[in-house]
Amino acid sequence: MYPDWPRSDADLVPLPRFDGPKVSAFDFGGAQNIESLQELGEGLHGHVSRVRIDNQIYTLKLFRFLDYTDWTTPWDEHQLLDRDIMRVYYDFWEPFNSELRAFGRLQEAGHEDLAIKCHGYLLLDQAHEDKMRLKFPGISFLRNGHEEIPGDELENPEEDCRA
C-alpha cells in the first residue's frame, strides 16, 4: 500500500519526492530516543502528543495509515496495485505528504512563524511504536475512511498496511 516504504534511517530523504517544497527527516544525532509524555488530542488523520527527545520537549503528530480507498483516484482497483501510479498519488494526496508540502513551503518562503515549527519528520522504529501503544492504549494507527470516526480499523486489520 505504501510505495517505497523506507527500510532504514538512511532511506529518510527530504519529502515529498517531487519538485517543490520539502521537509527533511528529524536529526536525532544518533539512535532514536523518544519519551512519550502526554497525549494532546487526535483528528481524522492522526494523534498529537507531547514527547521528550534529548531533553527537549516537542509536539509529535503521528499520522494514521490510510486505506487506499481514502485516496481519490480516477482508476479502478487493478490499477491501484501499480506501484508507479500509487507513488504519484501517495506523494500528492496522502495527508502526511500534504502537511510536509505545507511546512516545506513555509520554510522555503521564510514564514515559519505562521505555524507551529516543524523540526522534521520521523518514522518510529518498532520499539518506540510499541512504547507509544503501551503508553496510550487508545491510539489506533489505522483508519478505514468509510466512516467519519477517527481510529476506525481497516476492513482486514490482520493486513499490515506497511508491508
N, C-alpha and C. Protein backbone atom coordinates (compact mmCIF):
# COMPACT_ATOMS: atom_id res chain seq x y z
N MET A 1 0.81 -1.19 0.00
CA MET A 1 0.00 0.00 0.00
C MET A 1 0.86 1.25 0.00
N TYR A 2 1.90 1.29 0.79
CA TYR A 2 2.74 2.48 0.86
C TYR A 2 3.98 2.25 0.01
N PRO A 3 4.02 2.83 -1.18
CA PRO A 3 5.15 2.60 -2.08
C PRO A 3 6.44 3.14 -1.49
N ASP A 4 7.50 2.43 -1.73
CA ASP A 4 8.83 2.88 -1.34
C ASP A 4 8.97 3.11 0.16
N TRP A 5 8.38 2.24 0.96
CA TRP A 5 8.48 2.35 2.41
C TRP A 5 9.95 2.27 2.82
N PRO A 6 10.43 3.22 3.62
CA PRO A 6 11.85 3.21 4.00
C PRO A 6 12.22 1.98 4.80
N ARG A 7 13.40 1.46 4.53
CA ARG A 7 13.88 0.28 5.24
C ARG A 7 14.77 0.64 6.43
N SER A 8 15.40 1.81 6.38
CA SER A 8 16.30 2.24 7.46
C SER A 8 16.31 3.76 7.51
N ASP A 9 16.97 4.31 8.54
CA ASP A 9 17.08 5.77 8.66
C ASP A 9 17.78 6.39 7.45
N ALA A 10 18.65 5.63 6.80
CA ALA A 10 19.36 6.14 5.62
C ALA A 10 18.39 6.43 4.47
N ASP A 11 17.23 5.78 4.48
CA ASP A 11 16.23 5.98 3.43
C ASP A 11 15.34 7.20 3.68
N LEU A 12 15.52 7.87 4.81
CA LEU A 12 14.68 9.02 5.15
C LEU A 12 15.21 10.26 4.46
N VAL A 13 14.79 10.43 3.23
CA VAL A 13 15.21 11.56 2.40
C VAL A 13 14.23 12.71 2.58
N PRO A 14 14.58 13.93 2.16
CA PRO A 14 13.60 15.02 2.21
C PRO A 14 12.34 14.63 1.42
N LEU A 15 11.20 14.91 1.99
CA LEU A 15 9.92 14.54 1.38
C LEU A 15 9.06 15.78 1.18
N PRO A 16 8.09 15.71 0.28
CA PRO A 16 7.76 14.63 -0.63
C PRO A 16 8.76 14.53 -1.78
N ARG A 17 8.68 13.41 -2.51
CA ARG A 17 9.65 13.11 -3.55
C ARG A 17 9.26 13.64 -4.91
N PHE A 18 9.01 14.90 -5.02
CA PHE A 18 8.80 15.54 -6.32
C PHE A 18 9.23 16.98 -6.19
N ASP A 19 9.33 17.67 -7.32
CA ASP A 19 9.77 19.06 -7.28
C ASP A 19 8.86 19.88 -6.40
N GLY A 20 9.47 20.76 -5.63
CA GLY A 20 8.70 21.64 -4.76
C GLY A 20 9.23 21.61 -3.35
N PRO A 21 8.52 22.27 -2.44
CA PRO A 21 8.98 22.36 -1.05
C PRO A 21 9.09 20.98 -0.40
N LYS A 22 10.09 20.85 0.47
CA LYS A 22 10.35 19.58 1.14
C LYS A 22 10.67 19.81 2.61
N VAL A 23 10.53 18.76 3.39
CA VAL A 23 10.94 18.76 4.79
C VAL A 23 11.90 17.59 4.97
N SER A 24 12.99 17.82 5.68
CA SER A 24 13.98 16.78 5.93
C SER A 24 13.58 15.94 7.14
N ALA A 25 14.22 14.79 7.25
CA ALA A 25 14.00 13.92 8.41
C ALA A 25 14.54 14.60 9.67
N PHE A 26 13.92 14.32 10.80
CA PHE A 26 14.37 14.85 12.08
C PHE A 26 15.75 14.26 12.37
N ASP A 27 16.67 15.09 12.84
CA ASP A 27 18.02 14.63 13.15
C ASP A 27 18.11 14.29 14.64
N PHE A 28 18.12 13.00 14.93
CA PHE A 28 18.24 12.55 16.31
C PHE A 28 19.66 12.68 16.83
N GLY A 29 20.63 12.84 15.93
CA GLY A 29 22.02 12.89 16.36
C GLY A 29 22.47 11.53 16.89
N GLY A 30 21.87 10.47 16.42
CA GLY A 30 22.16 9.11 16.88
C GLY A 30 20.90 8.28 16.83
N ALA A 31 20.83 7.32 17.74
CA ALA A 31 19.67 6.42 17.78
C ALA A 31 18.43 7.15 18.28
N GLN A 32 17.27 6.67 17.86
CA GLN A 32 16.02 7.26 18.34
C GLN A 32 15.93 7.09 19.85
N ASN A 33 15.56 8.15 20.54
CA ASN A 33 15.31 8.09 21.97
C ASN A 33 14.17 9.05 22.27
N ILE A 34 12.96 8.53 22.23
CA ILE A 34 11.75 9.34 22.38
C ILE A 34 11.02 8.90 23.65
N GLU A 35 10.73 9.86 24.51
CA GLU A 35 9.94 9.58 25.71
C GLU A 35 8.56 10.22 25.50
N SER A 36 7.53 9.40 25.49
CA SER A 36 6.16 9.89 25.35
C SER A 36 5.69 10.44 26.68
N LEU A 37 5.21 11.68 26.69
CA LEU A 37 4.82 12.33 27.93
C LEU A 37 3.31 12.44 28.10
N GLN A 38 2.61 12.92 27.07
CA GLN A 38 1.19 13.21 27.23
C GLN A 38 0.50 13.19 25.88
N GLU A 39 -0.67 12.55 25.84
CA GLU A 39 -1.48 12.61 24.63
C GLU A 39 -2.23 13.94 24.64
N LEU A 40 -2.14 14.68 23.54
CA LEU A 40 -2.76 16.01 23.47
C LEU A 40 -4.08 16.02 22.73
N GLY A 41 -4.26 15.12 21.78
CA GLY A 41 -5.51 15.09 21.04
C GLY A 41 -5.39 14.27 19.78
N GLU A 42 -6.49 14.19 19.05
CA GLU A 42 -6.49 13.43 17.81
C GLU A 42 -7.44 14.08 16.82
N GLY A 43 -7.25 13.70 15.57
CA GLY A 43 -8.10 14.16 14.50
C GLY A 43 -8.31 13.04 13.52
N LEU A 44 -8.87 13.35 12.39
CA LEU A 44 -9.17 12.34 11.39
C LEU A 44 -7.92 11.63 10.88
N HIS A 45 -6.80 12.35 10.77
CA HIS A 45 -5.60 11.77 10.17
C HIS A 45 -4.52 11.38 11.16
N GLY A 46 -4.67 11.71 12.45
CA GLY A 46 -3.60 11.33 13.36
C GLY A 46 -3.82 11.75 14.80
N HIS A 47 -2.79 11.45 15.59
CA HIS A 47 -2.75 11.76 17.02
C HIS A 47 -1.63 12.75 17.27
N VAL A 48 -1.82 13.61 18.27
CA VAL A 48 -0.79 14.57 18.65
C VAL A 48 -0.44 14.31 20.11
N SER A 49 0.86 14.25 20.39
CA SER A 49 1.30 14.03 21.76
C SER A 49 2.53 14.89 22.06
N ARG A 50 2.78 15.04 23.34
CA ARG A 50 3.97 15.75 23.79
C ARG A 50 5.03 14.69 24.08
N VAL A 51 6.24 14.92 23.57
CA VAL A 51 7.34 13.96 23.75
C VAL A 51 8.60 14.70 24.18
N ARG A 52 9.54 13.92 24.72
CA ARG A 52 10.85 14.46 25.05
C ARG A 52 11.88 13.70 24.20
N ILE A 53 12.71 14.47 23.52
CA ILE A 53 13.81 13.92 22.73
C ILE A 53 15.06 14.67 23.14
N ASP A 54 16.05 13.96 23.67
CA ASP A 54 17.30 14.60 24.12
C ASP A 54 17.04 15.82 24.99
N ASN A 55 16.21 15.65 26.01
CA ASN A 55 15.90 16.70 26.99
C ASN A 55 15.19 17.92 26.40
N GLN A 56 14.69 17.83 25.19
CA GLN A 56 13.89 18.89 24.58
C GLN A 56 12.44 18.41 24.47
N ILE A 57 11.50 19.29 24.73
CA ILE A 57 10.09 18.95 24.60
C ILE A 57 9.62 19.32 23.19
N TYR A 58 8.93 18.38 22.55
CA TYR A 58 8.40 18.58 21.20
C TYR A 58 6.94 18.13 21.18
N THR A 59 6.22 18.59 20.18
CA THR A 59 4.90 18.08 19.87
C THR A 59 5.07 17.15 18.67
N LEU A 60 4.55 15.94 18.79
CA LEU A 60 4.71 14.92 17.75
C LEU A 60 3.34 14.56 17.21
N LYS A 61 3.18 14.66 15.90
CA LYS A 61 1.94 14.22 15.26
C LYS A 61 2.21 12.86 14.63
N LEU A 62 1.43 11.88 15.05
CA LEU A 62 1.51 10.54 14.48
C LEU A 62 0.38 10.39 13.48
N PHE A 63 0.73 10.18 12.23
CA PHE A 63 -0.28 10.04 11.19
C PHE A 63 -0.80 8.62 11.16
N ARG A 64 -2.08 8.49 10.89
CA ARG A 64 -2.68 7.17 10.72
C ARG A 64 -2.35 6.66 9.32
N PHE A 65 -2.29 5.35 9.21
CA PHE A 65 -2.11 4.71 7.91
C PHE A 65 -3.48 4.62 7.26
N LEU A 66 -3.64 5.30 6.15
CA LEU A 66 -4.94 5.33 5.49
C LEU A 66 -5.10 4.17 4.53
N ASP A 67 -6.31 3.69 4.42
CA ASP A 67 -6.65 2.69 3.43
C ASP A 67 -6.59 3.35 2.05
N TYR A 68 -6.15 2.63 1.05
CA TYR A 68 -6.03 3.24 -0.28
C TYR A 68 -7.36 3.77 -0.79
N THR A 69 -8.48 3.29 -0.26
CA THR A 69 -9.77 3.80 -0.72
C THR A 69 -10.01 5.23 -0.28
N ASP A 70 -9.19 5.73 0.66
CA ASP A 70 -9.28 7.14 1.07
C ASP A 70 -8.68 8.06 0.01
N TRP A 71 -7.87 7.53 -0.87
CA TRP A 71 -7.20 8.34 -1.87
C TRP A 71 -8.12 8.49 -3.08
N THR A 72 -8.44 9.69 -3.44
CA THR A 72 -9.31 9.94 -4.58
C THR A 72 -8.51 9.72 -5.86
N THR A 73 -8.92 8.73 -6.64
CA THR A 73 -8.22 8.43 -7.89
C THR A 73 -9.24 8.14 -8.99
N PRO A 74 -8.86 8.38 -10.24
CA PRO A 74 -9.76 8.07 -11.35
C PRO A 74 -9.63 6.63 -11.84
N TRP A 75 -8.83 5.80 -11.16
CA TRP A 75 -8.56 4.45 -11.66
C TRP A 75 -9.37 3.40 -10.95
N ASP A 76 -9.46 2.24 -11.60
CA ASP A 76 -10.15 1.13 -10.95
C ASP A 76 -9.16 0.35 -10.07
N GLU A 77 -9.68 -0.63 -9.36
CA GLU A 77 -8.90 -1.32 -8.33
C GLU A 77 -7.62 -1.97 -8.86
N HIS A 78 -7.64 -2.61 -10.03
CA HIS A 78 -6.43 -3.28 -10.51
C HIS A 78 -5.31 -2.28 -10.80
N GLN A 79 -5.67 -1.07 -11.21
CA GLN A 79 -4.64 -0.05 -11.45
C GLN A 79 -4.03 0.45 -10.15
N LEU A 80 -4.77 0.35 -9.03
CA LEU A 80 -4.24 0.79 -7.74
C LEU A 80 -3.12 -0.12 -7.25
N LEU A 81 -2.97 -1.27 -7.87
CA LEU A 81 -1.88 -2.17 -7.50
C LEU A 81 -0.59 -1.81 -8.22
N ASP A 82 -0.64 -0.89 -9.15
CA ASP A 82 0.54 -0.46 -9.89
C ASP A 82 1.36 0.49 -9.03
N ARG A 83 2.58 0.10 -8.70
CA ARG A 83 3.45 0.86 -7.79
C ARG A 83 3.72 2.28 -8.29
N ASP A 84 3.96 2.44 -9.59
CA ASP A 84 4.26 3.77 -10.12
C ASP A 84 3.07 4.71 -10.01
N ILE A 85 1.89 4.20 -10.28
CA ILE A 85 0.68 5.02 -10.15
C ILE A 85 0.47 5.40 -8.70
N MET A 86 0.60 4.44 -7.80
CA MET A 86 0.36 4.72 -6.37
C MET A 86 1.40 5.69 -5.81
N ARG A 87 2.62 5.64 -6.31
CA ARG A 87 3.66 6.56 -5.83
C ARG A 87 3.24 8.00 -6.10
N VAL A 88 2.71 8.26 -7.29
CA VAL A 88 2.27 9.61 -7.64
C VAL A 88 1.15 10.05 -6.70
N TYR A 89 0.16 9.22 -6.52
CA TYR A 89 -0.95 9.60 -5.65
C TYR A 89 -0.52 9.72 -4.19
N TYR A 90 0.33 8.84 -3.75
CA TYR A 90 0.82 8.91 -2.36
C TYR A 90 1.50 10.25 -2.12
N ASP A 91 2.37 10.65 -3.03
CA ASP A 91 3.11 11.90 -2.85
C ASP A 91 2.20 13.13 -2.86
N PHE A 92 1.11 13.09 -3.61
CA PHE A 92 0.27 14.28 -3.74
C PHE A 92 -0.92 14.32 -2.79
N TRP A 93 -1.52 13.18 -2.45
CA TRP A 93 -2.78 13.22 -1.72
C TRP A 93 -2.74 12.64 -0.32
N GLU A 94 -1.77 11.88 0.02
CA GLU A 94 -1.71 11.30 1.36
C GLU A 94 -1.50 12.44 2.36
N PRO A 95 -2.25 12.52 3.47
CA PRO A 95 -2.18 13.66 4.39
C PRO A 95 -0.78 13.95 4.93
N PHE A 96 0.01 12.94 5.20
CA PHE A 96 1.37 13.15 5.68
C PHE A 96 2.17 14.00 4.70
N ASN A 97 2.15 13.62 3.43
CA ASN A 97 2.89 14.38 2.42
C ASN A 97 2.29 15.76 2.19
N SER A 98 0.98 15.88 2.30
CA SER A 98 0.35 17.20 2.15
C SER A 98 0.84 18.16 3.22
N GLU A 99 0.95 17.69 4.45
CA GLU A 99 1.47 18.56 5.52
C GLU A 99 2.94 18.87 5.31
N LEU A 100 3.71 17.89 4.83
CA LEU A 100 5.12 18.17 4.56
C LEU A 100 5.27 19.26 3.51
N ARG A 101 4.44 19.21 2.46
CA ARG A 101 4.49 20.26 1.43
C ARG A 101 4.18 21.62 2.04
N ALA A 102 3.17 21.67 2.90
CA ALA A 102 2.78 22.95 3.52
C ALA A 102 3.90 23.49 4.40
N PHE A 103 4.47 22.65 5.27
CA PHE A 103 5.55 23.12 6.13
C PHE A 103 6.80 23.44 5.32
N GLY A 104 7.06 22.66 4.28
CA GLY A 104 8.20 22.96 3.41
C GLY A 104 8.05 24.30 2.72
N ARG A 105 6.84 24.62 2.31
CA ARG A 105 6.59 25.92 1.66
C ARG A 105 6.79 27.06 2.64
N LEU A 106 6.34 26.91 3.88
CA LEU A 106 6.56 27.94 4.89
C LEU A 106 8.05 28.15 5.14
N GLN A 107 8.81 27.04 5.21
CA GLN A 107 10.26 27.14 5.41
C GLN A 107 10.91 27.83 4.21
N GLU A 108 10.53 27.41 3.02
CA GLU A 108 11.08 27.95 1.78
C GLU A 108 10.82 29.46 1.67
N ALA A 109 9.65 29.91 2.10
CA ALA A 109 9.27 31.32 1.99
C ALA A 109 9.75 32.15 3.17
N GLY A 110 10.36 31.49 4.16
CA GLY A 110 10.83 32.21 5.34
C GLY A 110 9.70 32.67 6.25
N HIS A 111 8.59 31.94 6.22
CA HIS A 111 7.44 32.32 7.05
C HIS A 111 7.05 31.20 8.01
N GLU A 112 8.04 30.56 8.62
CA GLU A 112 7.75 29.50 9.58
C GLU A 112 6.98 30.02 10.79
N ASP A 113 7.00 31.33 11.00
CA ASP A 113 6.30 31.93 12.13
C ASP A 113 4.77 31.86 11.97
N LEU A 114 4.28 31.49 10.80
CA LEU A 114 2.84 31.42 10.57
C LEU A 114 2.21 30.13 11.09
N ALA A 115 3.03 29.19 11.52
CA ALA A 115 2.53 27.91 12.03
C ALA A 115 3.48 27.41 13.11
N ILE A 116 3.08 26.34 13.77
CA ILE A 116 3.97 25.71 14.73
C ILE A 116 5.22 25.26 13.97
N LYS A 117 6.38 25.33 14.59
CA LYS A 117 7.63 24.98 13.91
C LYS A 117 7.67 23.48 13.63
N CYS A 118 8.08 23.15 12.43
CA CYS A 118 8.27 21.75 12.04
C CYS A 118 9.77 21.46 12.08
N HIS A 119 10.16 20.53 12.94
CA HIS A 119 11.58 20.18 13.10
C HIS A 119 11.99 19.02 12.20
N GLY A 120 11.07 18.52 11.41
CA GLY A 120 11.35 17.40 10.52
C GLY A 120 10.34 16.29 10.74
N TYR A 121 10.47 15.26 9.94
CA TYR A 121 9.58 14.11 10.08
C TYR A 121 10.40 12.94 10.59
N LEU A 122 9.72 11.92 11.09
CA LEU A 122 10.42 10.72 11.53
C LEU A 122 9.54 9.51 11.30
N LEU A 123 10.17 8.38 11.27
CA LEU A 123 9.48 7.10 11.20
C LEU A 123 9.81 6.38 12.50
N LEU A 124 8.79 6.15 13.32
CA LEU A 124 9.05 5.46 14.59
C LEU A 124 9.63 4.09 14.33
N ASP A 125 10.68 3.75 15.07
CA ASP A 125 11.16 2.37 14.99
C ASP A 125 10.17 1.50 15.77
N GLN A 126 10.30 0.18 15.63
CA GLN A 126 9.32 -0.72 16.24
C GLN A 126 9.28 -0.58 17.75
N ALA A 127 10.44 -0.40 18.39
CA ALA A 127 10.48 -0.28 19.85
C ALA A 127 9.69 0.94 20.32
N HIS A 128 9.85 2.06 19.64
CA HIS A 128 9.13 3.27 20.04
C HIS A 128 7.64 3.20 19.69
N GLU A 129 7.32 2.53 18.61
CA GLU A 129 5.90 2.34 18.28
C GLU A 129 5.24 1.50 19.37
N ASP A 130 5.93 0.44 19.82
CA ASP A 130 5.39 -0.41 20.88
C ASP A 130 5.23 0.37 22.19
N LYS A 131 6.22 1.20 22.53
CA LYS A 131 6.13 2.02 23.74
C LYS A 131 4.95 2.99 23.66
N MET A 132 4.75 3.57 22.50
CA MET A 132 3.65 4.51 22.31
C MET A 132 2.31 3.80 22.49
N ARG A 133 2.20 2.59 21.96
CA ARG A 133 0.96 1.82 22.10
C ARG A 133 0.68 1.49 23.57
N LEU A 134 1.74 1.17 24.32
CA LEU A 134 1.57 0.87 25.75
C LEU A 134 1.19 2.11 26.55
N LYS A 135 1.83 3.22 26.26
CA LYS A 135 1.58 4.47 26.99
C LYS A 135 0.18 5.02 26.69
N PHE A 136 -0.23 4.92 25.44
CA PHE A 136 -1.53 5.44 25.00
C PHE A 136 -2.32 4.32 24.32
N PRO A 137 -2.92 3.42 25.10
CA PRO A 137 -3.57 2.24 24.51
C PRO A 137 -4.74 2.55 23.58
N GLY A 138 -5.31 3.74 23.64
CA GLY A 138 -6.43 4.08 22.78
C GLY A 138 -6.03 4.51 21.38
N ILE A 139 -4.73 4.65 21.13
CA ILE A 139 -4.27 5.11 19.82
C ILE A 139 -4.45 4.02 18.77
N SER A 140 -5.07 4.38 17.67
CA SER A 140 -5.16 3.49 16.53
C SER A 140 -4.34 4.11 15.41
N PHE A 141 -3.47 3.32 14.82
CA PHE A 141 -2.63 3.81 13.73
C PHE A 141 -3.28 3.57 12.37
N LEU A 142 -4.46 2.98 12.38
CA LEU A 142 -5.14 2.65 11.13
C LEU A 142 -6.41 3.47 11.00
N ARG A 143 -6.81 3.70 9.77
CA ARG A 143 -8.08 4.41 9.53
C ARG A 143 -8.68 3.87 8.25
N ASN A 144 -9.96 3.58 8.29
CA ASN A 144 -10.64 3.00 7.15
C ASN A 144 -11.07 4.04 6.14
N GLY A 145 -11.60 5.15 6.57
CA GLY A 145 -12.01 6.19 5.64
C GLY A 145 -13.46 6.14 5.22
N HIS A 146 -14.13 5.03 5.50
CA HIS A 146 -15.54 4.94 5.14
C HIS A 146 -16.43 5.54 6.22
N GLU A 147 -15.85 5.86 7.35
CA GLU A 147 -16.58 6.46 8.46
C GLU A 147 -15.91 7.77 8.82
N GLU A 148 -16.61 8.63 9.47
CA GLU A 148 -16.04 9.90 9.90
C GLU A 148 -15.56 9.84 11.35
N ILE A 149 -15.29 8.64 11.84
CA ILE A 149 -14.85 8.47 13.22
C ILE A 149 -13.36 8.16 13.22
N PRO A 150 -12.54 9.00 13.87
CA PRO A 150 -11.10 8.71 13.93
C PRO A 150 -10.85 7.34 14.55
N GLY A 151 -9.88 6.63 14.00
CA GLY A 151 -9.46 5.37 14.57
C GLY A 151 -10.17 4.15 14.05
N ASP A 152 -11.11 4.31 13.11
CA ASP A 152 -11.76 3.13 12.57
C ASP A 152 -10.71 2.22 11.96
N GLU A 153 -10.87 0.94 12.23
CA GLU A 153 -9.90 -0.03 11.73
C GLU A 153 -10.16 -0.36 10.27
N LEU A 154 -9.14 -0.86 9.60
CA LEU A 154 -9.31 -1.33 8.23
C LEU A 154 -10.26 -2.51 8.21
N GLU A 155 -10.86 -2.79 7.07
CA GLU A 155 -11.76 -3.92 6.96
C GLU A 155 -11.04 -5.23 7.23
N ASN A 156 -9.77 -5.32 6.90
CA ASN A 156 -8.95 -6.51 7.16
C ASN A 156 -7.78 -6.12 8.05
N PRO A 157 -8.02 -5.93 9.37
CA PRO A 157 -6.96 -5.42 10.24
C PRO A 157 -5.76 -6.34 10.35
N GLU A 158 -5.92 -7.61 9.96
CA GLU A 158 -4.77 -8.51 10.04
C GLU A 158 -3.72 -8.16 8.99
N GLU A 159 -4.10 -7.39 7.98
CA GLU A 159 -3.14 -6.97 6.96
C GLU A 159 -2.32 -5.81 7.50
N ASP A 160 -1.02 -5.95 7.52
CA ASP A 160 -0.14 -4.85 7.94
C ASP A 160 0.01 -3.93 6.75
N CYS A 161 -0.54 -2.73 6.85
CA CYS A 161 -0.56 -1.82 5.70
C CYS A 161 0.81 -1.24 5.41
N ARG A 162 1.84 -1.60 6.16
CA ARG A 162 3.18 -1.09 5.86
C ARG A 162 3.98 -2.11 5.07
N ALA A 163 3.42 -3.25 4.80
CA ALA A 163 4.17 -4.30 4.09
C ALA A 163 4.28 -3.98 2.62
